Amino acid sequence: MSTRVVSLYDNDSVVKHSKTTWSFAWGLVAPKDINPNCDSKYLSASTHKTNLGFILLSAVTLGIVVPQTVEWECAPEDPDIEEL
């Protein structure tokens, strides 16, 4: 299962960054924030994924451990506007 969020700055970037986050104790211990390290300081897309292994781990632990993978793409930098 995956959810993709696309912003106004959608691009055809081939550079995808990803990180697996872990939530514990039914969400009481939330995952830490992710610093995307984008040069433009904007995201163009974010995808949150889970797989069969993550779902089984969550089911076996009755929701105590819930992992998911977050992928993101950085928006392109705005070109400088030249004055005439």
C-alpha atoms as a PDB file:
ATOM      1  CA  MET A   1       0.000   0.000   0.000  1.00  0.00           C
ATOM      2  CA  SER A   2       1.315   3.474  -0.779  1.00  0.00           C
ATOM      3  CA  THR A   3       0.112   7.065  -0.688  1.00  0.00           C
ATOM      4  CA  ARG A   4       1.667   9.721  -2.929  1.00  0.00           C
ATOM      5  CA  VAL A   5       1.377  13.460  -2.332  1.00  0.00           C
ATOM      6  CA  VAL A   6       2.362  15.755  -5.217  1.00  0.00           C
ATOM      7  CA  SER A   7       2.738  19.499  -4.805  1.00  0.00           C
ATOM      8  CA  LEU A   8       2.553  22.392  -7.197  1.00  0.00           C
ATOM      9  CA  TYR A   9       6.264  22.012  -7.962  1.00  0.00           C
ATOM     10  CA  ASP A  10       6.035  18.561  -9.575  1.00  0.00           C
ATOM     11  CA  ASN A  11       9.076  17.681 -11.650  1.00  0.00           C
ATOM     12  CA  ASP A  12      10.626  14.711 -13.399  1.00  0.00           C
ATOM     13  CA  SER A  13      13.396  14.264 -10.871  1.00  0.00           C
ATOM     14  CA  VAL A  14      15.160  10.936 -10.881  1.00  0.00           C
ATOM     15  CA  VAL A  15      16.745  11.516  -7.462  1.00  0.00           C
ATOM     16  CA  LYS A  16      14.586   9.932  -4.793  1.00  0.00           C
ATOM     17  CA  HIS A  17      15.488   9.943  -1.143  1.00  0.00           C
ATOM     18  CA  SER A  18      14.033   7.390   1.238  1.00  0.00           C
ATOM     19  CA  LYS A  19      13.993   6.539   4.913  1.00  0.00           C
ATOM     20  CA  THR A  20      12.195   3.934   6.991  1.00  0.00           C
ATOM     21  CA  THR A  21      10.410   5.369  10.018  1.00  0.00           C
ATOM     22  CA  TRP A  22       9.185   3.430  13.037  1.00  0.00           C
ATOM     23  CA  SER A  23       6.222   4.184  15.278  1.00  0.00           C
ATOM     24  CA  PHE A  24       5.952   2.405  18.617  1.00  0.00           C
ATOM     25  CA  ALA A  25       3.289   1.780  21.266  1.00  0.00           C
ATOM     26  CA  TRP A  26       0.274   2.422  19.010  1.00  0.00           C
ATOM     27  CA  GLY A  27       1.574   5.822  17.942  1.00  0.00           C
ATOM     28  CA  LEU A  28       2.425   7.090  21.416  1.00  0.00           C
ATOM     29  CA  VAL A  29       6.100   7.131  20.412  1.00  0.00           C
ATOM     30  CA  ALA A  30       5.949   8.841  17.033  1.00  0.00           C
ATOM     31  CA  PRO A  31       8.793   8.748  14.519  1.00  0.00           C
ATOM     32  CA  LYS A  32      11.233  11.646  14.478  1.00  0.00           C
ATOM     33  CA  ASP A  33      10.858  14.358  11.852  1.00  0.00           C
ATOM     34  CA  ILE A  34      12.795  13.843   8.634  1.00  0.00           C
ATOM     35  CA  ASN A  35      15.024  16.612   7.322  1.00  0.00           C
ATOM     36  CA  PRO A  36      14.770  16.318   3.517  1.00  0.00           C
ATOM     37  CA  ASN A  37      17.979  18.342   2.859  1.00  0.00           C
ATOM     38  CA  CYS A  38      16.562  19.972  -0.287  1.00  0.00           C
ATOM     39  CA  ASP A  39      18.622  22.762  -1.849  1.00  0.00           C
ATOM     40  CA  SER A  40      15.444  24.586  -2.935  1.00  0.00           C
ATOM     41  CA  LYS A  41      13.861  24.035   0.521  1.00  0.00           C
ATOM     42  CA  TYR A  42      10.717  22.679  -1.171  1.00  0.00           C
ATOM     43  CA  LEU A  43       9.433  19.162  -1.808  1.00  0.00           C
ATOM     44  CA  SER A  44       7.836  18.190  -5.086  1.00  0.00           C
ATOM     45  CA  ALA A  45       6.512  14.780  -4.033  1.00  0.00           C
ATOM     46  CA  SER A  46       6.278  12.520  -1.027  1.00  0.00           C
ATOM     47  CA  THR A  47       5.321   8.838  -1.006  1.00  0.00           C
ATOM     48  CA  HIS A  48       4.557   6.768   2.088  1.00  0.00           C
ATOM     49  CA  LYS A  49       4.796   3.017   1.548  1.00  0.00           C
ATOM     50  CA  THR A  50       4.285  -0.172   3.464  1.00  0.00           C
ATOM     51  CA  ASN A  51       4.808  -3.749   2.353  1.00  0.00           C
ATOM     52  CA  LEU A  52       3.675  -7.213   3.359  1.00  0.00           C
ATOM     53  CA  GLY A  53       6.556  -7.636   5.827  1.00  0.00           C
ATOM     54  CA  PHE A  54       5.740  -4.338   7.556  1.00  0.00           C
ATOM     55  CA  ILE A  55       2.043  -5.288   7.737  1.00  0.00           C
ATOM     56  CA  LEU A  56       2.848  -8.711   9.204  1.00  0.00           C
ATOM     57  CA  LEU A  57       5.212  -7.169  11.779  1.00  0.00           C
ATOM     58  CA  SER A  58       2.489  -4.716  12.799  1.00  0.00           C
ATOM     59  CA  ALA A  59      -0.076  -7.521  13.056  1.00  0.00           C
ATOM     60  CA  VAL A  60       2.186  -9.855  15.059  1.00  0.00           C
ATOM     61  CA  THR A  61       3.026  -7.091  17.545  1.00  0.00           C
ATOM     62  CA  LEU A  62      -0.643  -5.993  17.665  1.00  0.00           C
ATOM     63  CA  GLY A  63       0.319  -2.501  16.518  1.00  0.00           C
ATOM     64  CA  ILE A  64       3.121  -1.985  19.019  1.00  0.00           C
ATOM     65  CA  VAL A  65       5.617  -1.636  16.153  1.00  0.00           C
ATOM     66  CA  VAL A  66       4.518   0.033  12.885  1.00  0.00           C
ATOM     67  CA  PRO A  67       7.212   0.699  10.260  1.00  0.00           C
ATOM     68  CA  GLN A  68       6.740   2.557   6.974  1.00  0.00           C
ATOM     69  CA  THR A  69       9.009   3.817   4.227  1.00  0.00           C
ATOM     70  CA  VAL A  70       8.934   7.492   3.247  1.00  0.00           C
ATOM     71  CA  GLU A  71      10.282   8.560  -0.172  1.00  0.00           C
ATOM     72  CA  TRP A  72      10.563  12.165  -1.280  1.00  0.00           C
ATOM     73  CA  GLU A  73      11.749  14.259  -4.214  1.00  0.00           C
ATOM     74  CA  CYS A  74      13.054  17.799  -3.948  1.00  0.00           C
ATOM     75  CA  ALA A  75      11.594  20.574  -6.078  1.00  0.00           C
ATOM     76  CA  PRO A  76      13.937  22.249  -8.559  1.00  0.00           C
ATOM     77  CA  GLU A  77      15.531  25.507  -7.550  1.00  0.00           C
ATOM     78  CA  ASP A  78      13.953  28.672  -8.908  1.00  0.00           C
ATOM     79  CA  PRO A  79      16.205  30.330 -11.472  1.00  0.00           C
ATOM     80  CA  ASP A  80      17.289  33.859 -10.654  1.00  0.00           C
ATOM     81  CA  ILE A  81      15.372  36.555 -12.485  1.00  0.00           C
ATOM     82  CA  GLU A  82      17.635  38.802 -14.492  1.00  0.00           C
ATOM     83  CA  GLU A  83      16.969  42.502 -14.541  1.00  0.00           C
ATOM     84  CA  LEU A  84      16.972  44.412 -17.800  1.00  0.00           C
END
